[in-house]
Amino acid sequence: IAAGIKLVEPLSTKNVKLLPDLFHM
């Protein structure tokens, strides 16, 4: 999730959200 935040937060679009999948987590 931390890597996902690092990827998504700098985007100009604010319309990308993350999916926590409990198996992967």
PDBML (XML) file of the C-alpha atoms, coordinates in Angstrom:
<?xml version="1.0" encoding="UTF-8" ?>
<PDBx:datablock datablockName="MODEL"
   xmlns:PDBx="http://pdbml.pdb.org/schema/pdbx-v50.xsd"
   xmlns:xsi="http://www.w3.org/2001/XMLSchema-instance"
   xsi:schemaLocation="http://pdbml.pdb.org/schema/pdbx-v50.xsd pdbx-v50.xsd">
   <PDBx:atom_siteCategory>
      <PDBx:atom_site id="1">
         <PDBx:B_iso_or_equiv>0.00</PDBx:B_iso_or_equiv>
         <PDBx:Cartn_x>0.000</PDBx:Cartn_x>
         <PDBx:Cartn_y>0.000</PDBx:Cartn_y>
         <PDBx:Cartn_z>0.000</PDBx:Cartn_z>
         <PDBx:auth_asym_id>A</PDBx:auth_asym_id>
         <PDBx:auth_atom_id>CA</PDBx:auth_atom_id>
         <PDBx:auth_comp_id>ILE</PDBx:auth_comp_id>
         <PDBx:auth_seq_id>1</PDBx:auth_seq_id>
         <PDBx:group_PDB>ATOM</PDBx:group_PDB>
         <PDBx:label_alt_id xsi:nil="true" />
         <PDBx:label_asym_id>A</PDBx:label_asym_id>
         <PDBx:label_atom_id>CA</PDBx:label_atom_id>
         <PDBx:label_comp_id>ILE</PDBx:label_comp_id>
         <PDBx:label_entity_id>1</PDBx:label_entity_id>
         <PDBx:label_seq_id>1</PDBx:label_seq_id>
         <PDBx:occupancy>1.00</PDBx:occupancy>
         <PDBx:pdbx_PDB_model_num>1</PDBx:pdbx_PDB_model_num>
         <PDBx:type_symbol>C</PDBx:type_symbol>
      </PDBx:atom_site>
      <PDBx:atom_site id="2">
         <PDBx:B_iso_or_equiv>0.00</PDBx:B_iso_or_equiv>
         <PDBx:Cartn_x>2.877</PDBx:Cartn_x>
         <PDBx:Cartn_y>2.395</PDBx:Cartn_y>
         <PDBx:Cartn_z>0.753</PDBx:Cartn_z>
         <PDBx:auth_asym_id>A</PDBx:auth_asym_id>
         <PDBx:auth_atom_id>CA</PDBx:auth_atom_id>
         <PDBx:auth_comp_id>ALA</PDBx:auth_comp_id>
         <PDBx:auth_seq_id>2</PDBx:auth_seq_id>
         <PDBx:group_PDB>ATOM</PDBx:group_PDB>
         <PDBx:label_alt_id xsi:nil="true" />
         <PDBx:label_asym_id>A</PDBx:label_asym_id>
         <PDBx:label_atom_id>CA</PDBx:label_atom_id>
         <PDBx:label_comp_id>ALA</PDBx:label_comp_id>
         <PDBx:label_entity_id>1</PDBx:label_entity_id>
         <PDBx:label_seq_id>2</PDBx:label_seq_id>
         <PDBx:occupancy>1.00</PDBx:occupancy>
         <PDBx:pdbx_PDB_model_num>1</PDBx:pdbx_PDB_model_num>
         <PDBx:type_symbol>C</PDBx:type_symbol>
      </PDBx:atom_site>
      <PDBx:atom_site id="3">
         <PDBx:B_iso_or_equiv>0.00</PDBx:B_iso_or_equiv>
         <PDBx:Cartn_x>4.249</PDBx:Cartn_x>
         <PDBx:Cartn_y>1.846</PDBx:Cartn_y>
         <PDBx:Cartn_z>-2.758</PDBx:Cartn_z>
         <PDBx:auth_asym_id>A</PDBx:auth_asym_id>
         <PDBx:auth_atom_id>CA</PDBx:auth_atom_id>
         <PDBx:auth_comp_id>ALA</PDBx:auth_comp_id>
         <PDBx:auth_seq_id>3</PDBx:auth_seq_id>
         <PDBx:group_PDB>ATOM</PDBx:group_PDB>
         <PDBx:label_alt_id xsi:nil="true" />
         <PDBx:label_asym_id>A</PDBx:label_asym_id>
         <PDBx:label_atom_id>CA</PDBx:label_atom_id>
         <PDBx:label_comp_id>ALA</PDBx:label_comp_id>
         <PDBx:label_entity_id>1</PDBx:label_entity_id>
         <PDBx:label_seq_id>3</PDBx:label_seq_id>
         <PDBx:occupancy>1.00</PDBx:occupancy>
         <PDBx:pdbx_PDB_model_num>1</PDBx:pdbx_PDB_model_num>
         <PDBx:type_symbol>C</PDBx:type_symbol>
      </PDBx:atom_site>
      <PDBx:atom_site id="4">
         <PDBx:B_iso_or_equiv>0.00</PDBx:B_iso_or_equiv>
         <PDBx:Cartn_x>0.744</PDBx:Cartn_x>
         <PDBx:Cartn_y>2.401</PDBx:Cartn_y>
         <PDBx:Cartn_z>-4.121</PDBx:Cartn_z>
         <PDBx:auth_asym_id>A</PDBx:auth_asym_id>
         <PDBx:auth_atom_id>CA</PDBx:auth_atom_id>
         <PDBx:auth_comp_id>GLY</PDBx:auth_comp_id>
         <PDBx:auth_seq_id>4</PDBx:auth_seq_id>
         <PDBx:group_PDB>ATOM</PDBx:group_PDB>
         <PDBx:label_alt_id xsi:nil="true" />
         <PDBx:label_asym_id>A</PDBx:label_asym_id>
         <PDBx:label_atom_id>CA</PDBx:label_atom_id>
         <PDBx:label_comp_id>GLY</PDBx:label_comp_id>
         <PDBx:label_entity_id>1</PDBx:label_entity_id>
         <PDBx:label_seq_id>4</PDBx:label_seq_id>
         <PDBx:occupancy>1.00</PDBx:occupancy>
         <PDBx:pdbx_PDB_model_num>1</PDBx:pdbx_PDB_model_num>
         <PDBx:type_symbol>C</PDBx:type_symbol>
      </PDBx:atom_site>
      <PDBx:atom_site id="5">
         <PDBx:B_iso_or_equiv>0.00</PDBx:B_iso_or_equiv>
         <PDBx:Cartn_x>0.485</PDBx:Cartn_x>
         <PDBx:Cartn_y>5.697</PDBx:Cartn_y>
         <PDBx:Cartn_z>-2.247</PDBx:Cartn_z>
         <PDBx:auth_asym_id>A</PDBx:auth_asym_id>
         <PDBx:auth_atom_id>CA</PDBx:auth_atom_id>
         <PDBx:auth_comp_id>ILE</PDBx:auth_comp_id>
         <PDBx:auth_seq_id>5</PDBx:auth_seq_id>
         <PDBx:group_PDB>ATOM</PDBx:group_PDB>
         <PDBx:label_alt_id xsi:nil="true" />
         <PDBx:label_asym_id>A</PDBx:label_asym_id>
         <PDBx:label_atom_id>CA</PDBx:label_atom_id>
         <PDBx:label_comp_id>ILE</PDBx:label_comp_id>
         <PDBx:label_entity_id>1</PDBx:label_entity_id>
         <PDBx:label_seq_id>5</PDBx:label_seq_id>
         <PDBx:occupancy>1.00</PDBx:occupancy>
         <PDBx:pdbx_PDB_model_num>1</PDBx:pdbx_PDB_model_num>
         <PDBx:type_symbol>C</PDBx:type_symbol>
      </PDBx:atom_site>
      <PDBx:atom_site id="6">
         <PDBx:B_iso_or_equiv>0.00</PDBx:B_iso_or_equiv>
         <PDBx:Cartn_x>3.874</PDBx:Cartn_x>
         <PDBx:Cartn_y>6.760</PDBx:Cartn_y>
         <PDBx:Cartn_z>-3.635</PDBx:Cartn_z>
         <PDBx:auth_asym_id>A</PDBx:auth_asym_id>
         <PDBx:auth_atom_id>CA</PDBx:auth_atom_id>
         <PDBx:auth_comp_id>LYS</PDBx:auth_comp_id>
         <PDBx:auth_seq_id>6</PDBx:auth_seq_id>
         <PDBx:group_PDB>ATOM</PDBx:group_PDB>
         <PDBx:label_alt_id xsi:nil="true" />
         <PDBx:label_asym_id>A</PDBx:label_asym_id>
         <PDBx:label_atom_id>CA</PDBx:label_atom_id>
         <PDBx:label_comp_id>LYS</PDBx:label_comp_id>
         <PDBx:label_entity_id>1</PDBx:label_entity_id>
         <PDBx:label_seq_id>6</PDBx:label_seq_id>
         <PDBx:occupancy>1.00</PDBx:occupancy>
         <PDBx:pdbx_PDB_model_num>1</PDBx:pdbx_PDB_model_num>
         <PDBx:type_symbol>C</PDBx:type_symbol>
      </PDBx:atom_site>
      <PDBx:atom_site id="7">
         <PDBx:B_iso_or_equiv>0.00</PDBx:B_iso_or_equiv>
         <PDBx:Cartn_x>2.621</PDBx:Cartn_x>
         <PDBx:Cartn_y>5.982</PDBx:Cartn_y>
         <PDBx:Cartn_z>-7.141</PDBx:Cartn_z>
         <PDBx:auth_asym_id>A</PDBx:auth_asym_id>
         <PDBx:auth_atom_id>CA</PDBx:auth_atom_id>
         <PDBx:auth_comp_id>LEU</PDBx:auth_comp_id>
         <PDBx:auth_seq_id>7</PDBx:auth_seq_id>
         <PDBx:group_PDB>ATOM</PDBx:group_PDB>
         <PDBx:label_alt_id xsi:nil="true" />
         <PDBx:label_asym_id>A</PDBx:label_asym_id>
         <PDBx:label_atom_id>CA</PDBx:label_atom_id>
         <PDBx:label_comp_id>LEU</PDBx:label_comp_id>
         <PDBx:label_entity_id>1</PDBx:label_entity_id>
         <PDBx:label_seq_id>7</PDBx:label_seq_id>
         <PDBx:occupancy>1.00</PDBx:occupancy>
         <PDBx:pdbx_PDB_model_num>1</PDBx:pdbx_PDB_model_num>
         <PDBx:type_symbol>C</PDBx:type_symbol>
      </PDBx:atom_site>
      <PDBx:atom_site id="8">
         <PDBx:B_iso_or_equiv>0.00</PDBx:B_iso_or_equiv>
         <PDBx:Cartn_x>-0.829</PDBx:Cartn_x>
         <PDBx:Cartn_y>7.562</PDBx:Cartn_y>
         <PDBx:Cartn_z>-6.891</PDBx:Cartn_z>
         <PDBx:auth_asym_id>A</PDBx:auth_asym_id>
         <PDBx:auth_atom_id>CA</PDBx:auth_atom_id>
         <PDBx:auth_comp_id>VAL</PDBx:auth_comp_id>
         <PDBx:auth_seq_id>8</PDBx:auth_seq_id>
         <PDBx:group_PDB>ATOM</PDBx:group_PDB>
         <PDBx:label_alt_id xsi:nil="true" />
         <PDBx:label_asym_id>A</PDBx:label_asym_id>
         <PDBx:label_atom_id>CA</PDBx:label_atom_id>
         <PDBx:label_comp_id>VAL</PDBx:label_comp_id>
         <PDBx:label_entity_id>1</PDBx:label_entity_id>
         <PDBx:label_seq_id>8</PDBx:label_seq_id>
         <PDBx:occupancy>1.00</PDBx:occupancy>
         <PDBx:pdbx_PDB_model_num>1</PDBx:pdbx_PDB_model_num>
         <PDBx:type_symbol>C</PDBx:type_symbol>
      </PDBx:atom_site>
      <PDBx:atom_site id="9">
         <PDBx:B_iso_or_equiv>0.00</PDBx:B_iso_or_equiv>
         <PDBx:Cartn_x>-0.339</PDBx:Cartn_x>
         <PDBx:Cartn_y>10.681</PDBx:Cartn_y>
         <PDBx:Cartn_z>-4.755</PDBx:Cartn_z>
         <PDBx:auth_asym_id>A</PDBx:auth_asym_id>
         <PDBx:auth_atom_id>CA</PDBx:auth_atom_id>
         <PDBx:auth_comp_id>GLU</PDBx:auth_comp_id>
         <PDBx:auth_seq_id>9</PDBx:auth_seq_id>
         <PDBx:group_PDB>ATOM</PDBx:group_PDB>
         <PDBx:label_alt_id xsi:nil="true" />
         <PDBx:label_asym_id>A</PDBx:label_asym_id>
         <PDBx:label_atom_id>CA</PDBx:label_atom_id>
         <PDBx:label_comp_id>GLU</PDBx:label_comp_id>
         <PDBx:label_entity_id>1</PDBx:label_entity_id>
         <PDBx:label_seq_id>9</PDBx:label_seq_id>
         <PDBx:occupancy>1.00</PDBx:occupancy>
         <PDBx:pdbx_PDB_model_num>1</PDBx:pdbx_PDB_model_num>
         <PDBx:type_symbol>C</PDBx:type_symbol>
      </PDBx:atom_site>
      <PDBx:atom_site id="10">
         <PDBx:B_iso_or_equiv>0.00</PDBx:B_iso_or_equiv>
         <PDBx:Cartn_x>1.863</PDBx:Cartn_x>
         <PDBx:Cartn_y>12.621</PDBx:Cartn_y>
         <PDBx:Cartn_z>-7.260</PDBx:Cartn_z>
         <PDBx:auth_asym_id>A</PDBx:auth_asym_id>
         <PDBx:auth_atom_id>CA</PDBx:auth_atom_id>
         <PDBx:auth_comp_id>PRO</PDBx:auth_comp_id>
         <PDBx:auth_seq_id>10</PDBx:auth_seq_id>
         <PDBx:group_PDB>ATOM</PDBx:group_PDB>
         <PDBx:label_alt_id xsi:nil="true" />
         <PDBx:label_asym_id>A</PDBx:label_asym_id>
         <PDBx:label_atom_id>CA</PDBx:label_atom_id>
         <PDBx:label_comp_id>PRO</PDBx:label_comp_id>
         <PDBx:label_entity_id>1</PDBx:label_entity_id>
         <PDBx:label_seq_id>10</PDBx:label_seq_id>
         <PDBx:occupancy>1.00</PDBx:occupancy>
         <PDBx:pdbx_PDB_model_num>1</PDBx:pdbx_PDB_model_num>
         <PDBx:type_symbol>C</PDBx:type_symbol>
      </PDBx:atom_site>
      <PDBx:atom_site id="11">
         <PDBx:B_iso_or_equiv>0.00</PDBx:B_iso_or_equiv>
         <PDBx:Cartn_x>-0.562</PDBx:Cartn_x>
         <PDBx:Cartn_y>12.076</PDBx:Cartn_y>
         <PDBx:Cartn_z>-10.152</PDBx:Cartn_z>
         <PDBx:auth_asym_id>A</PDBx:auth_asym_id>
         <PDBx:auth_atom_id>CA</PDBx:auth_atom_id>
         <PDBx:auth_comp_id>LEU</PDBx:auth_comp_id>
         <PDBx:auth_seq_id>11</PDBx:auth_seq_id>
         <PDBx:group_PDB>ATOM</PDBx:group_PDB>
         <PDBx:label_alt_id xsi:nil="true" />
         <PDBx:label_asym_id>A</PDBx:label_asym_id>
         <PDBx:label_atom_id>CA</PDBx:label_atom_id>
         <PDBx:label_comp_id>LEU</PDBx:label_comp_id>
         <PDBx:label_entity_id>1</PDBx:label_entity_id>
         <PDBx:label_seq_id>11</PDBx:label_seq_id>
         <PDBx:occupancy>1.00</PDBx:occupancy>
         <PDBx:pdbx_PDB_model_num>1</PDBx:pdbx_PDB_model_num>
         <PDBx:type_symbol>C</PDBx:type_symbol>
      </PDBx:atom_site>
      <PDBx:atom_site id="12">
         <PDBx:B_iso_or_equiv>0.00</PDBx:B_iso_or_equiv>
         <PDBx:Cartn_x>-2.256</PDBx:Cartn_x>
         <PDBx:Cartn_y>15.147</PDBx:Cartn_y>
         <PDBx:Cartn_z>-11.560</PDBx:Cartn_z>
         <PDBx:auth_asym_id>A</PDBx:auth_asym_id>
         <PDBx:auth_atom_id>CA</PDBx:auth_atom_id>
         <PDBx:auth_comp_id>SER</PDBx:auth_comp_id>
         <PDBx:auth_seq_id>12</PDBx:auth_seq_id>
         <PDBx:group_PDB>ATOM</PDBx:group_PDB>
         <PDBx:label_alt_id xsi:nil="true" />
         <PDBx:label_asym_id>A</PDBx:label_asym_id>
         <PDBx:label_atom_id>CA</PDBx:label_atom_id>
         <PDBx:label_comp_id>SER</PDBx:label_comp_id>
         <PDBx:label_entity_id>1</PDBx:label_entity_id>
         <PDBx:label_seq_id>12</PDBx:label_seq_id>
         <PDBx:occupancy>1.00</PDBx:occupancy>
         <PDBx:pdbx_PDB_model_num>1</PDBx:pdbx_PDB_model_num>
         <PDBx:type_symbol>C</PDBx:type_symbol>
      </PDBx:atom_site>
      <PDBx:atom_site id="13">
         <PDBx:B_iso_or_equiv>0.00</PDBx:B_iso_or_equiv>
         <PDBx:Cartn_x>-5.506</PDBx:Cartn_x>
         <PDBx:Cartn_y>13.235</PDBx:Cartn_y>
         <PDBx:Cartn_z>-11.699</PDBx:Cartn_z>
         <PDBx:auth_asym_id>A</PDBx:auth_asym_id>
         <PDBx:auth_atom_id>CA</PDBx:auth_atom_id>
         <PDBx:auth_comp_id>THR</PDBx:auth_comp_id>
         <PDBx:auth_seq_id>13</PDBx:auth_seq_id>
         <PDBx:group_PDB>ATOM</PDBx:group_PDB>
         <PDBx:label_alt_id xsi:nil="true" />
         <PDBx:label_asym_id>A</PDBx:label_asym_id>
         <PDBx:label_atom_id>CA</PDBx:label_atom_id>
         <PDBx:label_comp_id>THR</PDBx:label_comp_id>
         <PDBx:label_entity_id>1</PDBx:label_entity_id>
         <PDBx:label_seq_id>13</PDBx:label_seq_id>
         <PDBx:occupancy>1.00</PDBx:occupancy>
         <PDBx:pdbx_PDB_model_num>1</PDBx:pdbx_PDB_model_num>
         <PDBx:type_symbol>C</PDBx:type_symbol>
      </PDBx:atom_site>
      <PDBx:atom_site id="14">
         <PDBx:B_iso_or_equiv>0.00</PDBx:B_iso_or_equiv>
         <PDBx:Cartn_x>-7.033</PDBx:Cartn_x>
         <PDBx:Cartn_y>12.686</PDBx:Cartn_y>
         <PDBx:Cartn_z>-8.293</PDBx:Cartn_z>
         <PDBx:auth_asym_id>A</PDBx:auth_asym_id>
         <PDBx:auth_atom_id>CA</PDBx:auth_atom_id>
         <PDBx:auth_comp_id>LYS</PDBx:auth_comp_id>
         <PDBx:auth_seq_id>14</PDBx:auth_seq_id>
         <PDBx:group_PDB>ATOM</PDBx:group_PDB>
         <PDBx:label_alt_id xsi:nil="true" />
         <PDBx:label_asym_id>A</PDBx:label_asym_id>
         <PDBx:label_atom_id>CA</PDBx:label_atom_id>
         <PDBx:label_comp_id>LYS</PDBx:label_comp_id>
         <PDBx:label_entity_id>1</PDBx:label_entity_id>
         <PDBx:label_seq_id>14</PDBx:label_seq_id>
         <PDBx:occupancy>1.00</PDBx:occupancy>
         <PDBx:pdbx_PDB_model_num>1</PDBx:pdbx_PDB_model_num>
         <PDBx:type_symbol>C</PDBx:type_symbol>
      </PDBx:atom_site>
      <PDBx:atom_site id="15">
         <PDBx:B_iso_or_equiv>0.00</PDBx:B_iso_or_equiv>
         <PDBx:Cartn_x>-9.332</PDBx:Cartn_x>
         <PDBx:Cartn_y>10.015</PDBx:Cartn_y>
         <PDBx:Cartn_z>-9.645</PDBx:Cartn_z>
         <PDBx:auth_asym_id>A</PDBx:auth_asym_id>
         <PDBx:auth_atom_id>CA</PDBx:auth_atom_id>
         <PDBx:auth_comp_id>ASN</PDBx:auth_comp_id>
         <PDBx:auth_seq_id>15</PDBx:auth_seq_id>
         <PDBx:group_PDB>ATOM</PDBx:group_PDB>
         <PDBx:label_alt_id xsi:nil="true" />
         <PDBx:label_asym_id>A</PDBx:label_asym_id>
         <PDBx:label_atom_id>CA</PDBx:label_atom_id>
         <PDBx:label_comp_id>ASN</PDBx:label_comp_id>
         <PDBx:label_entity_id>1</PDBx:label_entity_id>
         <PDBx:label_seq_id>15</PDBx:label_seq_id>
         <PDBx:occupancy>1.00</PDBx:occupancy>
         <PDBx:pdbx_PDB_model_num>1</PDBx:pdbx_PDB_model_num>
         <PDBx:type_symbol>C</PDBx:type_symbol>
      </PDBx:atom_site>
      <PDBx:atom_site id="16">
         <PDBx:B_iso_or_equiv>0.00</PDBx:B_iso_or_equiv>
         <PDBx:Cartn_x>-7.149</PDBx:Cartn_x>
         <PDBx:Cartn_y>6.958</PDBx:Cartn_y>
         <PDBx:Cartn_z>-9.009</PDBx:Cartn_z>
         <PDBx:auth_asym_id>A</PDBx:auth_asym_id>
         <PDBx:auth_atom_id>CA</PDBx:auth_atom_id>
         <PDBx:auth_comp_id>VAL</PDBx:auth_comp_id>
         <PDBx:auth_seq_id>16</PDBx:auth_seq_id>
         <PDBx:group_PDB>ATOM</PDBx:group_PDB>
         <PDBx:label_alt_id xsi:nil="true" />
         <PDBx:label_asym_id>A</PDBx:label_asym_id>
         <PDBx:label_atom_id>CA</PDBx:label_atom_id>
         <PDBx:label_comp_id>VAL</PDBx:label_comp_id>
         <PDBx:label_entity_id>1</PDBx:label_entity_id>
         <PDBx:label_seq_id>16</PDBx:label_seq_id>
         <PDBx:occupancy>1.00</PDBx:occupancy>
         <PDBx:pdbx_PDB_model_num>1</PDBx:pdbx_PDB_model_num>
         <PDBx:type_symbol>C</PDBx:type_symbol>
      </PDBx:atom_site>
      <PDBx:atom_site id="17">
         <PDBx:B_iso_or_equiv>0.00</PDBx:B_iso_or_equiv>
         <PDBx:Cartn_x>-7.765</PDBx:Cartn_x>
         <PDBx:Cartn_y>5.015</PDBx:Cartn_y>
         <PDBx:Cartn_z>-5.795</PDBx:Cartn_z>
         <PDBx:auth_asym_id>A</PDBx:auth_asym_id>
         <PDBx:auth_atom_id>CA</PDBx:auth_atom_id>
         <PDBx:auth_comp_id>LYS</PDBx:auth_comp_id>
         <PDBx:auth_seq_id>17</PDBx:auth_seq_id>
         <PDBx:group_PDB>ATOM</PDBx:group_PDB>
         <PDBx:label_alt_id xsi:nil="true" />
         <PDBx:label_asym_id>A</PDBx:label_asym_id>
         <PDBx:label_atom_id>CA</PDBx:label_atom_id>
         <PDBx:label_comp_id>LYS</PDBx:label_comp_id>
         <PDBx:label_entity_id>1</PDBx:label_entity_id>
         <PDBx:label_seq_id>17</PDBx:label_seq_id>
         <PDBx:occupancy>1.00</PDBx:occupancy>
         <PDBx:pdbx_PDB_model_num>1</PDBx:pdbx_PDB_model_num>
         <PDBx:type_symbol>C</PDBx:type_symbol>
      </PDBx:atom_site>
      <PDBx:atom_site id="18">
         <PDBx:B_iso_or_equiv>0.00</PDBx:B_iso_or_equiv>
         <PDBx:Cartn_x>-6.095</PDBx:Cartn_x>
         <PDBx:Cartn_y>1.989</PDBx:Cartn_y>
         <PDBx:Cartn_z>-4.217</PDBx:Cartn_z>
         <PDBx:auth_asym_id>A</PDBx:auth_asym_id>
         <PDBx:auth_atom_id>CA</PDBx:auth_atom_id>
         <PDBx:auth_comp_id>LEU</PDBx:auth_comp_id>
         <PDBx:auth_seq_id>18</PDBx:auth_seq_id>
         <PDBx:group_PDB>ATOM</PDBx:group_PDB>
         <PDBx:label_alt_id xsi:nil="true" />
         <PDBx:label_asym_id>A</PDBx:label_asym_id>
         <PDBx:label_atom_id>CA</PDBx:label_atom_id>
         <PDBx:label_comp_id>LEU</PDBx:label_comp_id>
         <PDBx:label_entity_id>1</PDBx:label_entity_id>
         <PDBx:label_seq_id>18</PDBx:label_seq_id>
         <PDBx:occupancy>1.00</PDBx:occupancy>
         <PDBx:pdbx_PDB_model_num>1</PDBx:pdbx_PDB_model_num>
         <PDBx:type_symbol>C</PDBx:type_symbol>
      </PDBx:atom_site>
      <PDBx:atom_site id="19">
         <PDBx:B_iso_or_equiv>0.00</PDBx:B_iso_or_equiv>
         <PDBx:Cartn_x>-7.397</PDBx:Cartn_x>
         <PDBx:Cartn_y>-1.510</PDBx:Cartn_y>
         <PDBx:Cartn_z>-3.595</PDBx:Cartn_z>
         <PDBx:auth_asym_id>A</PDBx:auth_asym_id>
         <PDBx:auth_atom_id>CA</PDBx:auth_atom_id>
         <PDBx:auth_comp_id>LEU</PDBx:auth_comp_id>
         <PDBx:auth_seq_id>19</PDBx:auth_seq_id>
         <PDBx:group_PDB>ATOM</PDBx:group_PDB>
         <PDBx:label_alt_id xsi:nil="true" />
         <PDBx:label_asym_id>A</PDBx:label_asym_id>
         <PDBx:label_atom_id>CA</PDBx:label_atom_id>
         <PDBx:label_comp_id>LEU</PDBx:label_comp_id>
         <PDBx:label_entity_id>1</PDBx:label_entity_id>
         <PDBx:label_seq_id>19</PDBx:label_seq_id>
         <PDBx:occupancy>1.00</PDBx:occupancy>
         <PDBx:pdbx_PDB_model_num>1</PDBx:pdbx_PDB_model_num>
         <PDBx:type_symbol>C</PDBx:type_symbol>
      </PDBx:atom_site>
      <PDBx:atom_site id="20">
         <PDBx:B_iso_or_equiv>0.00</PDBx:B_iso_or_equiv>
         <PDBx:Cartn_x>-6.171</PDBx:Cartn_x>
         <PDBx:Cartn_y>-3.186</PDBx:Cartn_y>
         <PDBx:Cartn_z>-0.408</PDBx:Cartn_z>
         <PDBx:auth_asym_id>A</PDBx:auth_asym_id>
         <PDBx:auth_atom_id>CA</PDBx:auth_atom_id>
         <PDBx:auth_comp_id>PRO</PDBx:auth_comp_id>
         <PDBx:auth_seq_id>20</PDBx:auth_seq_id>
         <PDBx:group_PDB>ATOM</PDBx:group_PDB>
         <PDBx:label_alt_id xsi:nil="true" />
         <PDBx:label_asym_id>A</PDBx:label_asym_id>
         <PDBx:label_atom_id>CA</PDBx:label_atom_id>
         <PDBx:label_comp_id>PRO</PDBx:label_comp_id>
         <PDBx:label_entity_id>1</PDBx:label_entity_id>
         <PDBx:label_seq_id>20</PDBx:label_seq_id>
         <PDBx:occupancy>1.00</PDBx:occupancy>
         <PDBx:pdbx_PDB_model_num>1</PDBx:pdbx_PDB_model_num>
         <PDBx:type_symbol>C</PDBx:type_symbol>
      </PDBx:atom_site>
      <PDBx:atom_site id="21">
         <PDBx:B_iso_or_equiv>0.00</PDBx:B_iso_or_equiv>
         <PDBx:Cartn_x>-6.424</PDBx:Cartn_x>
         <PDBx:Cartn_y>-6.918</PDBx:Cartn_y>
         <PDBx:Cartn_z>-1.120</PDBx:Cartn_z>
         <PDBx:auth_asym_id>A</PDBx:auth_asym_id>
         <PDBx:auth_atom_id>CA</PDBx:auth_atom_id>
         <PDBx:auth_comp_id>ASP</PDBx:auth_comp_id>
         <PDBx:auth_seq_id>21</PDBx:auth_seq_id>
         <PDBx:group_PDB>ATOM</PDBx:group_PDB>
         <PDBx:label_alt_id xsi:nil="true" />
         <PDBx:label_asym_id>A</PDBx:label_asym_id>
         <PDBx:label_atom_id>CA</PDBx:label_atom_id>
         <PDBx:label_comp_id>ASP</PDBx:label_comp_id>
         <PDBx:label_entity_id>1</PDBx:label_entity_id>
         <PDBx:label_seq_id>21</PDBx:label_seq_id>
         <PDBx:occupancy>1.00</PDBx:occupancy>
         <PDBx:pdbx_PDB_model_num>1</PDBx:pdbx_PDB_model_num>
         <PDBx:type_symbol>C</PDBx:type_symbol>
      </PDBx:atom_site>
      <PDBx:atom_site id="22">
         <PDBx:B_iso_or_equiv>0.00</PDBx:B_iso_or_equiv>
         <PDBx:Cartn_x>-6.112</PDBx:Cartn_x>
         <PDBx:Cartn_y>-8.744</PDBx:Cartn_y>
         <PDBx:Cartn_z>2.185</PDBx:Cartn_z>
         <PDBx:auth_asym_id>A</PDBx:auth_asym_id>
         <PDBx:auth_atom_id>CA</PDBx:auth_atom_id>
         <PDBx:auth_comp_id>LEU</PDBx:auth_comp_id>
         <PDBx:auth_seq_id>22</PDBx:auth_seq_id>
         <PDBx:group_PDB>ATOM</PDBx:group_PDB>
         <PDBx:label_alt_id xsi:nil="true" />
         <PDBx:label_asym_id>A</PDBx:label_asym_id>
         <PDBx:label_atom_id>CA</PDBx:label_atom_id>
         <PDBx:label_comp_id>LEU</PDBx:label_comp_id>
         <PDBx:label_entity_id>1</PDBx:label_entity_id>
         <PDBx:label_seq_id>22</PDBx:label_seq_id>
         <PDBx:occupancy>1.00</PDBx:occupancy>
         <PDBx:pdbx_PDB_model_num>1</PDBx:pdbx_PDB_model_num>
         <PDBx:type_symbol>C</PDBx:type_symbol>
      </PDBx:atom_site>
      <PDBx:atom_site id="23">
         <PDBx:B_iso_or_equiv>0.00</PDBx:B_iso_or_equiv>
         <PDBx:Cartn_x>-4.463</PDBx:Cartn_x>
         <PDBx:Cartn_y>-11.805</PDBx:Cartn_y>
         <PDBx:Cartn_z>0.615</PDBx:Cartn_z>
         <PDBx:auth_asym_id>A</PDBx:auth_asym_id>
         <PDBx:auth_atom_id>CA</PDBx:auth_atom_id>
         <PDBx:auth_comp_id>PHE</PDBx:auth_comp_id>
         <PDBx:auth_seq_id>23</PDBx:auth_seq_id>
         <PDBx:group_PDB>ATOM</PDBx:group_PDB>
         <PDBx:label_alt_id xsi:nil="true" />
         <PDBx:label_asym_id>A</PDBx:label_asym_id>
         <PDBx:label_atom_id>CA</PDBx:label_atom_id>
         <PDBx:label_comp_id>PHE</PDBx:label_comp_id>
         <PDBx:label_entity_id>1</PDBx:label_entity_id>
         <PDBx:label_seq_id>23</PDBx:label_seq_id>
         <PDBx:occupancy>1.00</PDBx:occupancy>
         <PDBx:pdbx_PDB_model_num>1</PDBx:pdbx_PDB_model_num>
         <PDBx:type_symbol>C</PDBx:type_symbol>
      </PDBx:atom_site>
      <PDBx:atom_site id="24">
         <PDBx:B_iso_or_equiv>0.00</PDBx:B_iso_or_equiv>
         <PDBx:Cartn_x>-1.690</PDBx:Cartn_x>
         <PDBx:Cartn_y>-9.757</PDBx:Cartn_y>
         <PDBx:Cartn_z>-1.002</PDBx:Cartn_z>
         <PDBx:auth_asym_id>A</PDBx:auth_asym_id>
         <PDBx:auth_atom_id>CA</PDBx:auth_atom_id>
         <PDBx:auth_comp_id>HIS</PDBx:auth_comp_id>
         <PDBx:auth_seq_id>24</PDBx:auth_seq_id>
         <PDBx:group_PDB>ATOM</PDBx:group_PDB>
         <PDBx:label_alt_id xsi:nil="true" />
         <PDBx:label_asym_id>A</PDBx:label_asym_id>
         <PDBx:label_atom_id>CA</PDBx:label_atom_id>
         <PDBx:label_comp_id>HIS</PDBx:label_comp_id>
         <PDBx:label_entity_id>1</PDBx:label_entity_id>
         <PDBx:label_seq_id>24</PDBx:label_seq_id>
         <PDBx:occupancy>1.00</PDBx:occupancy>
         <PDBx:pdbx_PDB_model_num>1</PDBx:pdbx_PDB_model_num>
         <PDBx:type_symbol>C</PDBx:type_symbol>
      </PDBx:atom_site>
      <PDBx:atom_site id="25">
         <PDBx:B_iso_or_equiv>0.00</PDBx:B_iso_or_equiv>
         <PDBx:Cartn_x>-1.366</PDBx:Cartn_x>
         <PDBx:Cartn_y>-7.631</PDBx:Cartn_y>
         <PDBx:Cartn_z>2.141</PDBx:Cartn_z>
         <PDBx:auth_asym_id>A</PDBx:auth_asym_id>
         <PDBx:auth_atom_id>CA</PDBx:auth_atom_id>
         <PDBx:auth_comp_id>MET</PDBx:auth_comp_id>
         <PDBx:auth_seq_id>25</PDBx:auth_seq_id>
         <PDBx:group_PDB>ATOM</PDBx:group_PDB>
         <PDBx:label_alt_id xsi:nil="true" />
         <PDBx:label_asym_id>A</PDBx:label_asym_id>
         <PDBx:label_atom_id>CA</PDBx:label_atom_id>
         <PDBx:label_comp_id>MET</PDBx:label_comp_id>
         <PDBx:label_entity_id>1</PDBx:label_entity_id>
         <PDBx:label_seq_id>25</PDBx:label_seq_id>
         <PDBx:occupancy>1.00</PDBx:occupancy>
         <PDBx:pdbx_PDB_model_num>1</PDBx:pdbx_PDB_model_num>
         <PDBx:type_symbol>C</PDBx:type_symbol>
      </PDBx:atom_site>
   </PDBx:atom_siteCategory>
</PDBx:datablock>
